Amino acid sequence: MEKYTYTPKGVCARQIEFELEDGKLHNVKFTGGCDGNTKAIGKLLEGADAANTVNILKGNICGMKGTSCADQLAKGIEEALSN
């Protein structure tokens, strides 16, 4: 299992960590952000297909920020998949 750390931009979360194995997400964890929401995202995504997750979460915004923790996670996953 490969571990990734992503530093989000424009959101309350300061760091996002996740693991990838065979194209599946595991152990998604946010540092900062809305605690209940980010924990829920991690639980919902356990074992989810990483590429499909990008398609679902990319472009979701929070208020007037133009991005969200979920959108930033999608960007982090996309970056990890391109490596």
PDB file of N, CA and C in Angstrom:
ATOM      1  N   MET A   1       0.844  -1.171   0.000  1.00  0.00           N
ATOM      2  CA  MET A   1       0.000   0.000   0.000  1.00  0.00           C
ATOM      3  C   MET A   1       0.891   1.236   0.000  1.00  0.00           C
ATOM      4  N   GLU A   2       0.569   2.176  -0.873  1.00  0.00           N
ATOM      5  CA  GLU A   2       1.350   3.404  -1.020  1.00  0.00           C
ATOM      6  C   GLU A   2       0.654   4.537  -0.268  1.00  0.00           C
ATOM      7  N   LYS A   3       1.385   5.235   0.600  1.00  0.00           N
ATOM      8  CA  LYS A   3       0.827   6.327   1.388  1.00  0.00           C
ATOM      9  C   LYS A   3       1.127   7.670   0.717  1.00  0.00           C
ATOM     10  N   TYR A   4       0.128   8.555   0.710  1.00  0.00           N
ATOM     11  CA  TYR A   4       0.268   9.872   0.093  1.00  0.00           C
ATOM     12  C   TYR A   4      -0.153  10.950   1.081  1.00  0.00           C
ATOM     13  N   THR A   5       0.512  12.090   0.988  1.00  0.00           N
ATOM     14  CA  THR A   5       0.167  13.259   1.779  1.00  0.00           C
ATOM     15  C   THR A   5       0.003  14.422   0.820  1.00  0.00           C
ATOM     16  N   TYR A   6      -1.107  15.128   0.960  1.00  0.00           N
ATOM     17  CA  TYR A   6      -1.405  16.257   0.078  1.00  0.00           C
ATOM     18  C   TYR A   6      -1.682  17.484   0.933  1.00  0.00           C
ATOM     19  N   THR A   7      -1.122  18.617   0.546  1.00  0.00           N
ATOM     20  CA  THR A   7      -1.373  19.874   1.238  1.00  0.00           C
ATOM     21  C   THR A   7      -2.428  20.651   0.455  1.00  0.00           C
ATOM     22  N   PRO A   8      -3.643  20.722   0.990  1.00  0.00           N
ATOM     23  CA  PRO A   8      -4.724  21.404   0.282  1.00  0.00           C
ATOM     24  C   PRO A   8      -4.544  22.921   0.287  1.00  0.00           C
ATOM     25  N   LYS A   9      -5.205  23.571  -0.658  1.00  0.00           N
ATOM     26  CA  LYS A   9      -5.130  25.023  -0.777  1.00  0.00           C
ATOM     27  C   LYS A   9      -6.543  25.602  -0.777  1.00  0.00           C
ATOM     28  N   GLY A  10      -6.744  26.681  -0.020  1.00  0.00           N
ATOM     29  CA  GLY A  10      -8.008  27.392  -0.039  1.00  0.00           C
ATOM     30  C   GLY A  10      -9.109  26.805   0.826  1.00  0.00           C
ATOM     31  N   VAL A  11      -8.763  25.858   1.712  1.00  0.00           N
ATOM     32  CA  VAL A  11      -9.757  25.245   2.590  1.00  0.00           C
ATOM     33  C   VAL A  11      -9.239  25.233   4.034  1.00  0.00           C
ATOM     34  N   CYS A  12     -10.123  24.866   4.950  1.00  0.00           N
ATOM     35  CA  CYS A  12      -9.753  24.827   6.373  1.00  0.00           C
ATOM     36  C   CYS A  12      -8.796  23.676   6.690  1.00  0.00           C
ATOM     37  N   ALA A  13      -8.939  22.565   5.993  1.00  0.00           N
ATOM     38  CA  ALA A  13      -8.045  21.427   6.234  1.00  0.00           C
ATOM     39  C   ALA A  13      -6.619  21.817   5.870  1.00  0.00           C
ATOM     40  N   ARG A  14      -5.676  21.385   6.707  1.00  0.00           N
ATOM     41  CA  ARG A  14      -4.261  21.717   6.485  1.00  0.00           C
ATOM     42  C   ARG A  14      -3.493  20.598   5.796  1.00  0.00           C
ATOM     43  N   GLN A  15      -4.015  19.379   5.886  1.00  0.00           N
ATOM     44  CA  GLN A  15      -3.327  18.230   5.290  1.00  0.00           C
ATOM     45  C   GLN A  15      -4.339  17.115   5.039  1.00  0.00           C
ATOM     46  N   ILE A  16      -4.095  16.370   3.971  1.00  0.00           N
ATOM     47  CA  ILE A  16      -4.921  15.202   3.660  1.00  0.00           C
ATOM     48  C   ILE A  16      -3.976  14.026   3.433  1.00  0.00           C
ATOM     49  N   GLU A  17      -4.256  12.926   4.107  1.00  0.00           N
ATOM     50  CA  GLU A  17      -3.473  11.709   3.927  1.00  0.00           C
ATOM     51  C   GLU A  17      -4.392  10.604   3.447  1.00  0.00           C
ATOM     52  N   PHE A  18      -3.868   9.756   2.583  1.00  0.00           N
ATOM     53  CA  PHE A  18      -4.620   8.601   2.113  1.00  0.00           C
ATOM     54  C   PHE A  18      -3.650   7.556   1.591  1.00  0.00           C
ATOM     55  N   GLU A  19      -4.138   6.350   1.446  1.00  0.00           N
ATOM     56  CA  GLU A  19      -3.341   5.264   0.894  1.00  0.00           C
ATOM     57  C   GLU A  19      -4.039   4.712  -0.337  1.00  0.00           C
ATOM     58  N   LEU A  20      -3.239   4.251  -1.292  1.00  0.00           N
ATOM     59  CA  LEU A  20      -3.754   3.624  -2.505  1.00  0.00           C
ATOM     60  C   LEU A  20      -3.200   2.213  -2.621  1.00  0.00           C
ATOM     61  N   GLU A  21      -4.084   1.294  -2.952  1.00  0.00           N
ATOM     62  CA  GLU A  21      -3.673  -0.078  -3.215  1.00  0.00           C
ATOM     63  C   GLU A  21      -4.576  -0.619  -4.310  1.00  0.00           C
ATOM     64  N   ASP A  22      -3.975  -1.017  -5.421  1.00  0.00           N
ATOM     65  CA  ASP A  22      -4.716  -1.549  -6.560  1.00  0.00           C
ATOM     66  C   ASP A  22      -5.839  -0.607  -7.003  1.00  0.00           C
ATOM     67  N   GLY A  23      -5.563   0.706  -6.986  1.00  0.00           N
ATOM     68  CA  GLY A  23      -6.536   1.691  -7.437  1.00  0.00           C
ATOM     69  C   GLY A  23      -7.649   1.984  -6.453  1.00  0.00           C
ATOM     70  N   LYS A  24      -7.528   1.477  -5.239  1.00  0.00           N
ATOM     71  CA  LYS A  24      -8.555   1.670  -4.211  1.00  0.00           C
ATOM     72  C   LYS A  24      -8.020   2.567  -3.089  1.00  0.00           C
ATOM     73  N   LEU A  25      -8.912   3.385  -2.530  1.00  0.00           N
ATOM     74  CA  LEU A  25      -8.551   4.296  -1.437  1.00  0.00           C
ATOM     75  C   LEU A  25      -8.685   3.625  -0.083  1.00  0.00           C
ATOM     76  N   HIS A  26      -7.762   3.978   0.800  1.00  0.00           N
ATOM     77  CA  HIS A  26      -7.803   3.477   2.171  1.00  0.00           C
ATOM     78  C   HIS A  26      -7.288   4.560   3.113  1.00  0.00           C
ATOM     79  N   ASN A  27      -7.800   4.540   4.343  1.00  0.00           N
ATOM     80  CA  ASN A  27      -7.291   5.394   5.424  1.00  0.00           C
ATOM     81  C   ASN A  27      -7.231   6.871   5.061  1.00  0.00           C
ATOM     82  N   VAL A  28      -8.315   7.405   4.496  1.00  0.00           N
ATOM     83  CA  VAL A  28      -8.386   8.833   4.169  1.00  0.00           C
ATOM     84  C   VAL A  28      -8.545   9.605   5.471  1.00  0.00           C
ATOM     85  N   LYS A  29      -7.620  10.549   5.711  1.00  0.00           N
ATOM     86  CA  LYS A  29      -7.640  11.330   6.946  1.00  0.00           C
ATOM     87  C   LYS A  29      -7.308  12.793   6.636  1.00  0.00           C
ATOM     88  N   PHE A  30      -8.068  13.672   7.252  1.00  0.00           N
ATOM     89  CA  PHE A  30      -7.860  15.112   7.111  1.00  0.00           C
ATOM     90  C   PHE A  30      -7.324  15.659   8.430  1.00  0.00           C
ATOM     91  N   THR A  31      -6.415  16.617   8.346  1.00  0.00           N
ATOM     92  CA  THR A  31      -5.989  17.380   9.512  1.00  0.00           C
ATOM     93  C   THR A  31      -6.618  18.748   9.360  1.00  0.00           C
ATOM     94  N   GLY A  32      -7.481  19.110  10.297  1.00  0.00           N
ATOM     95  CA  GLY A  32      -8.226  20.354  10.192  1.00  0.00           C
ATOM     96  C   GLY A  32      -9.490  20.137   9.378  1.00  0.00           C
ATOM     97  N   GLY A  33     -10.197  21.202   9.128  1.00  0.00           N
ATOM     98  CA  GLY A  33     -11.458  21.098   8.405  1.00  0.00           C
ATOM     99  C   GLY A  33     -12.602  20.783   9.351  1.00  0.00           C
ATOM    100  N   CYS A  34     -13.775  20.564   8.812  1.00  0.00           N
ATOM    101  CA  CYS A  34     -14.967  20.243   9.606  1.00  0.00           C
ATOM    102  C   CYS A  34     -14.872  18.786  10.035  1.00  0.00           C
ATOM    103  N   ASP A  35     -14.555  18.579  11.286  1.00  0.00           N
ATOM    104  CA  ASP A  35     -14.205  17.256  11.816  1.00  0.00           C
ATOM    105  C   ASP A  35     -15.211  16.169  11.443  1.00  0.00           C
ATOM    106  N   GLY A  36     -16.479  16.406  11.695  1.00  0.00           N
ATOM    107  CA  GLY A  36     -17.486  15.383  11.398  1.00  0.00           C
ATOM    108  C   GLY A  36     -17.577  15.079   9.915  1.00  0.00           C
ATOM    109  N   ASN A  37     -17.539  16.116   9.095  1.00  0.00           N
ATOM    110  CA  ASN A  37     -17.637  15.924   7.643  1.00  0.00           C
ATOM    111  C   ASN A  37     -16.420  15.195   7.084  1.00  0.00           C
ATOM    112  N   THR A  38     -15.239  15.585   7.525  1.00  0.00           N
ATOM    113  CA  THR A  38     -14.039  14.944   6.974  1.00  0.00           C
ATOM    114  C   THR A  38     -13.909  13.501   7.447  1.00  0.00           C
ATOM    115  N   LYS A  39     -14.335  13.210   8.677  1.00  0.00           N
ATOM    116  CA  LYS A  39     -14.334  11.816   9.139  1.00  0.00           C
ATOM    117  C   LYS A  39     -15.325  10.994   8.324  1.00  0.00           C
ATOM    118  N   ALA A  40     -16.487  11.584   8.016  1.00  0.00           N
ATOM    119  CA  ALA A  40     -17.488  10.887   7.217  1.00  0.00           C
ATOM    120  C   ALA A  40     -16.959  10.594   5.814  1.00  0.00           C
ATOM    121  N   ILE A  41     -16.263  11.554   5.223  1.00  0.00           N
ATOM    122  CA  ILE A  41     -15.681  11.343   3.897  1.00  0.00           C
ATOM    123  C   ILE A  41     -14.741  10.143   3.940  1.00  0.00           C
ATOM    124  N   GLY A  42     -13.887  10.097   4.956  1.00  0.00           N
ATOM    125  CA  GLY A  42     -12.950   8.983   5.093  1.00  0.00           C
ATOM    126  C   GLY A  42     -13.659   7.642   5.188  1.00  0.00           C
ATOM    127  N   LYS A  43     -14.723   7.574   5.972  1.00  0.00           N
ATOM    128  CA  LYS A  43     -15.472   6.322   6.124  1.00  0.00           C
ATOM    129  C   LYS A  43     -16.163   5.925   4.830  1.00  0.00           C
ATOM    130  N   LEU A  44     -16.769   6.896   4.167  1.00  0.00           N
ATOM    131  CA  LEU A  44     -17.483   6.609   2.921  1.00  0.00           C
ATOM    132  C   LEU A  44     -16.560   6.135   1.804  1.00  0.00           C
ATOM    133  N   LEU A  45     -15.324   6.603   1.827  1.00  0.00           N
ATOM    134  CA  LEU A  45     -14.397   6.295   0.735  1.00  0.00           C
ATOM    135  C   LEU A  45     -13.525   5.067   0.980  1.00  0.00           C
ATOM    136  N   GLU A  46     -13.623   4.456   2.139  1.00  0.00           N
ATOM    137  CA  GLU A  46     -12.790   3.282   2.419  1.00  0.00           C
ATOM    138  C   GLU A  46     -13.056   2.195   1.379  1.00  0.00           C
ATOM    139  N   GLY A  47     -12.021   1.844   0.622  1.00  0.00           N
ATOM    140  CA  GLY A  47     -12.116   0.808  -0.397  1.00  0.00           C
ATOM    141  C   GLY A  47     -12.699   1.277  -1.721  1.00  0.00           C
ATOM    142  N   ALA A  48     -12.995   2.574  -1.833  1.00  0.00           N
ATOM    143  CA  ALA A  48     -13.590   3.109  -3.067  1.00  0.00           C
ATOM    144  C   ALA A  48     -12.560   3.186  -4.188  1.00  0.00           C
ATOM    145  N   ASP A  49     -13.039   3.105  -5.408  1.00  0.00           N
ATOM    146  CA  ASP A  49     -12.193   3.247  -6.586  1.00  0.00           C
ATOM    147  C   ASP A  49     -11.684   4.692  -6.649  1.00  0.00           C
ATOM    148  N   ALA A  50     -10.382   4.867  -6.711  1.00  0.00           N
ATOM    149  CA  ALA A  50      -9.774   6.194  -6.655  1.00  0.00           C
ATOM    150  C   ALA A  50     -10.167   7.060  -7.852  1.00  0.00           C
ATOM    151  N   ALA A  51     -10.125   6.522  -9.053  1.00  0.00           N
ATOM    152  CA  ALA A  51     -10.458   7.304 -10.244  1.00  0.00           C
ATOM    153  C   ALA A  51     -11.922   7.728 -10.224  1.00  0.00           C
ATOM    154  N   ASN A  52     -12.804   6.858  -9.814  1.00  0.00           N
ATOM    155  CA  ASN A  52     -14.220   7.196  -9.719  1.00  0.00           C
ATOM    156  C   ASN A  52     -14.450   8.261  -8.654  1.00  0.00           C
ATOM    157  N   THR A  53     -13.713   8.190  -7.571  1.00  0.00           N
ATOM    158  CA  THR A  53     -13.820   9.182  -6.505  1.00  0.00           C
ATOM    159  C   THR A  53     -13.451  10.564  -7.019  1.00  0.00           C
ATOM    160  N   VAL A  54     -12.410  10.653  -7.837  1.00  0.00           N
ATOM    161  CA  VAL A  54     -12.028  11.932  -8.438  1.00  0.00           C
ATOM    162  C   VAL A  54     -13.192  12.481  -9.251  1.00  0.00           C
ATOM    163  N   ASN A  55     -13.815  11.630 -10.070  1.00  0.00           N
ATOM    164  CA  ASN A  55     -14.939  12.072 -10.900  1.00  0.00           C
ATOM    165  C   ASN A  55     -16.108  12.582 -10.065  1.00  0.00           C
ATOM    166  N   ILE A  56     -16.352  11.962  -8.926  1.00  0.00           N
ATOM    167  CA  ILE A  56     -17.466  12.351  -8.068  1.00  0.00           C
ATOM    168  C   ILE A  56     -17.175  13.645  -7.303  1.00  0.00           C
ATOM    169  N   LEU A  57     -15.981  13.769  -6.741  1.00  0.00           N
ATOM    170  CA  LEU A  57     -15.681  14.871  -5.826  1.00  0.00           C
ATOM    171  C   LEU A  57     -15.125  16.123  -6.490  1.00  0.00           C
ATOM    172  N   LYS A  58     -14.494  15.981  -7.639  1.00  0.00           N
ATOM    173  CA  LYS A  58     -13.851  17.119  -8.291  1.00  0.00           C
ATOM    174  C   LYS A  58     -14.895  18.174  -8.664  1.00  0.00           C
ATOM    175  N   GLY A  59     -14.619  19.404  -8.262  1.00  0.00           N
ATOM    176  CA  GLY A  59     -15.502  20.515  -8.604  1.00  0.00           C
ATOM    177  C   GLY A  59     -16.526  20.861  -7.535  1.00  0.00           C
ATOM    178  N   ASN A  60     -16.629  20.056  -6.487  1.00  0.00           N
ATOM    179  CA  ASN A  60     -17.523  20.398  -5.378  1.00  0.00           C
ATOM    180  C   ASN A  60     -16.939  21.599  -4.647  1.00  0.00           C
ATOM    181  N   ILE A  61     -17.773  22.596  -4.350  1.00  0.00           N
ATOM    182  CA  ILE A  61     -17.255  23.796  -3.704  1.00  0.00           C
ATOM    183  C   ILE A  61     -17.920  24.021  -2.347  1.00  0.00           C
ATOM    184  N   CYS A  62     -17.249  24.787  -1.510  1.00  0.00           N
ATOM    185  CA  CYS A  62     -17.722  25.135  -0.171  1.00  0.00           C
ATOM    186  C   CYS A  62     -17.892  26.650  -0.122  1.00  0.00           C
ATOM    187  N   GLY A  63     -19.116  27.113  -0.074  1.00  0.00           N
ATOM    188  CA  GLY A  63     -19.375  28.545  -0.018  1.00  0.00           C
ATOM    189  C   GLY A  63     -18.774  29.285  -1.196  1.00  0.00           C
ATOM    190  N   MET A  64     -18.095  30.369  -0.891  1.00  0.00           N
ATOM    191  CA  MET A  64     -17.506  31.221  -1.935  1.00  0.00           C
ATOM    192  C   MET A  64     -16.028  30.886  -2.190  1.00  0.00           C
ATOM    193  N   LYS A  65     -15.558  29.774  -1.638  1.00  0.00           N
ATOM    194  CA  LYS A  65     -14.135  29.436  -1.732  1.00  0.00           C
ATOM    195  C   LYS A  65     -13.701  28.976  -3.119  1.00  0.00           C
ATOM    196  N   GLY A  66     -14.617  28.470  -3.921  1.00  0.00           N
ATOM    197  CA  GLY A  66     -14.254  27.952  -5.233  1.00  0.00           C
ATOM    198  C   GLY A  66     -13.646  26.559  -5.167  1.00  0.00           C
ATOM    199  N   THR A  67     -13.572  25.990  -3.984  1.00  0.00           N
ATOM    200  CA  THR A  67     -13.058  24.637  -3.771  1.00  0.00           C
ATOM    201  C   THR A  67     -13.666  24.117  -2.466  1.00  0.00           C
ATOM    202  N   SER A  68     -13.309  22.929  -2.076  1.00  0.00           N
ATOM    203  CA  SER A  68     -13.773  22.349  -0.803  1.00  0.00           C
ATOM    204  C   SER A  68     -12.766  21.293  -0.385  1.00  0.00           C
ATOM    205  N   CYS A  69     -12.932  20.770   0.816  1.00  0.00           N
ATOM    206  CA  CYS A  69     -12.048  19.686   1.257  1.00  0.00           C
ATOM    207  C   CYS A  69     -12.185  18.478   0.330  1.00  0.00           C
ATOM    208  N   ALA A  70     -13.410  18.189  -0.096  1.00  0.00           N
ATOM    209  CA  ALA A  70     -13.630  17.063  -1.004  1.00  0.00           C
ATOM    210  C   ALA A  70     -12.955  17.310  -2.352  1.00  0.00           C
ATOM    211  N   ASP A  71     -13.074  18.531  -2.879  1.00  0.00           N
ATOM    212  CA  ASP A  71     -12.426  18.894  -4.137  1.00  0.00           C
ATOM    213  C   ASP A  71     -10.915  18.804  -4.013  1.00  0.00           C
ATOM    214  N   GLN A  72     -10.380  19.247  -2.882  1.00  0.00           N
ATOM    215  CA  GLN A  72      -8.940  19.173  -2.666  1.00  0.00           C
ATOM    216  C   GLN A  72      -8.472  17.724  -2.553  1.00  0.00           C
ATOM    217  N   LEU A  73      -9.286  16.869  -1.928  1.00  0.00           N
ATOM    218  CA  LEU A  73      -8.962  15.438  -1.886  1.00  0.00           C
ATOM    219  C   LEU A  73      -8.900  14.887  -3.303  1.00  0.00           C
ATOM    220  N   ALA A  74      -9.871  15.254  -4.138  1.00  0.00           N
ATOM    221  CA  ALA A  74      -9.874  14.800  -5.533  1.00  0.00           C
ATOM    222  C   ALA A  74      -8.584  15.217  -6.237  1.00  0.00           C
ATOM    223  N   LYS A  75      -8.136  16.429  -5.996  1.00  0.00           N
ATOM    224  CA  LYS A  75      -6.901  16.913  -6.616  1.00  0.00           C
ATOM    225  C   LYS A  75      -5.700  16.119  -6.111  1.00  0.00           C
ATOM    226  N   GLY A  76      -5.689  15.812  -4.832  1.00  0.00           N
ATOM    227  CA  GLY A  76      -4.598  15.001  -4.269  1.00  0.00           C
ATOM    228  C   GLY A  76      -4.577  13.605  -4.855  1.00  0.00           C
ATOM    229  N   ILE A  77      -5.735  13.004  -4.986  1.00  0.00           N
ATOM    230  CA  ILE A  77      -5.824  11.650  -5.570  1.00  0.00           C
ATOM    231  C   ILE A  77      -5.385  11.689  -7.021  1.00  0.00           C
ATOM    232  N   GLU A  78      -5.849  12.693  -7.742  1.00  0.00           N
ATOM    233  CA  GLU A  78      -5.467  12.838  -9.149  1.00  0.00           C
ATOM    234  C   GLU A  78      -3.956  12.946  -9.296  1.00  0.00           C
ATOM    235  N   GLU A  79      -3.334  13.737  -8.424  1.00  0.00           N
ATOM    236  CA  GLU A  79      -1.874  13.877  -8.437  1.00  0.00           C
ATOM    237  C   GLU A  79      -1.191  12.535  -8.154  1.00  0.00           C
ATOM    238  N   ALA A  80      -1.703  11.808  -7.173  1.00  0.00           N
ATOM    239  CA  ALA A  80      -1.119  10.502  -6.815  1.00  0.00           C
ATOM    240  C   ALA A  80      -1.261   9.508  -7.971  1.00  0.00           C
ATOM    241  N   LEU A  81      -2.394   9.542  -8.634  1.00  0.00           N
ATOM    242  CA  LEU A  81      -2.624   8.585  -9.746  1.00  0.00           C
ATOM    243  C   LEU A  81      -1.752   8.906 -10.953  1.00  0.00           C
ATOM    244  N   SER A  82      -1.343  10.166 -11.097  1.00  0.00           N
ATOM    245  CA  SER A  82      -0.523  10.540 -12.248  1.00  0.00           C
ATOM    246  C   SER A  82       0.956  10.219 -12.054  1.00  0.00           C
ATOM    247  N   ASN A  83       1.348   9.866 -10.844  1.00  0.00           N
ATOM    248  CA  ASN A  83       2.752   9.533 -10.562  1.00  0.00           C
ATOM    249  C   ASN A  83       3.074   8.102 -10.913  1.00  0.00           C
TER     250      ASN A  83
END
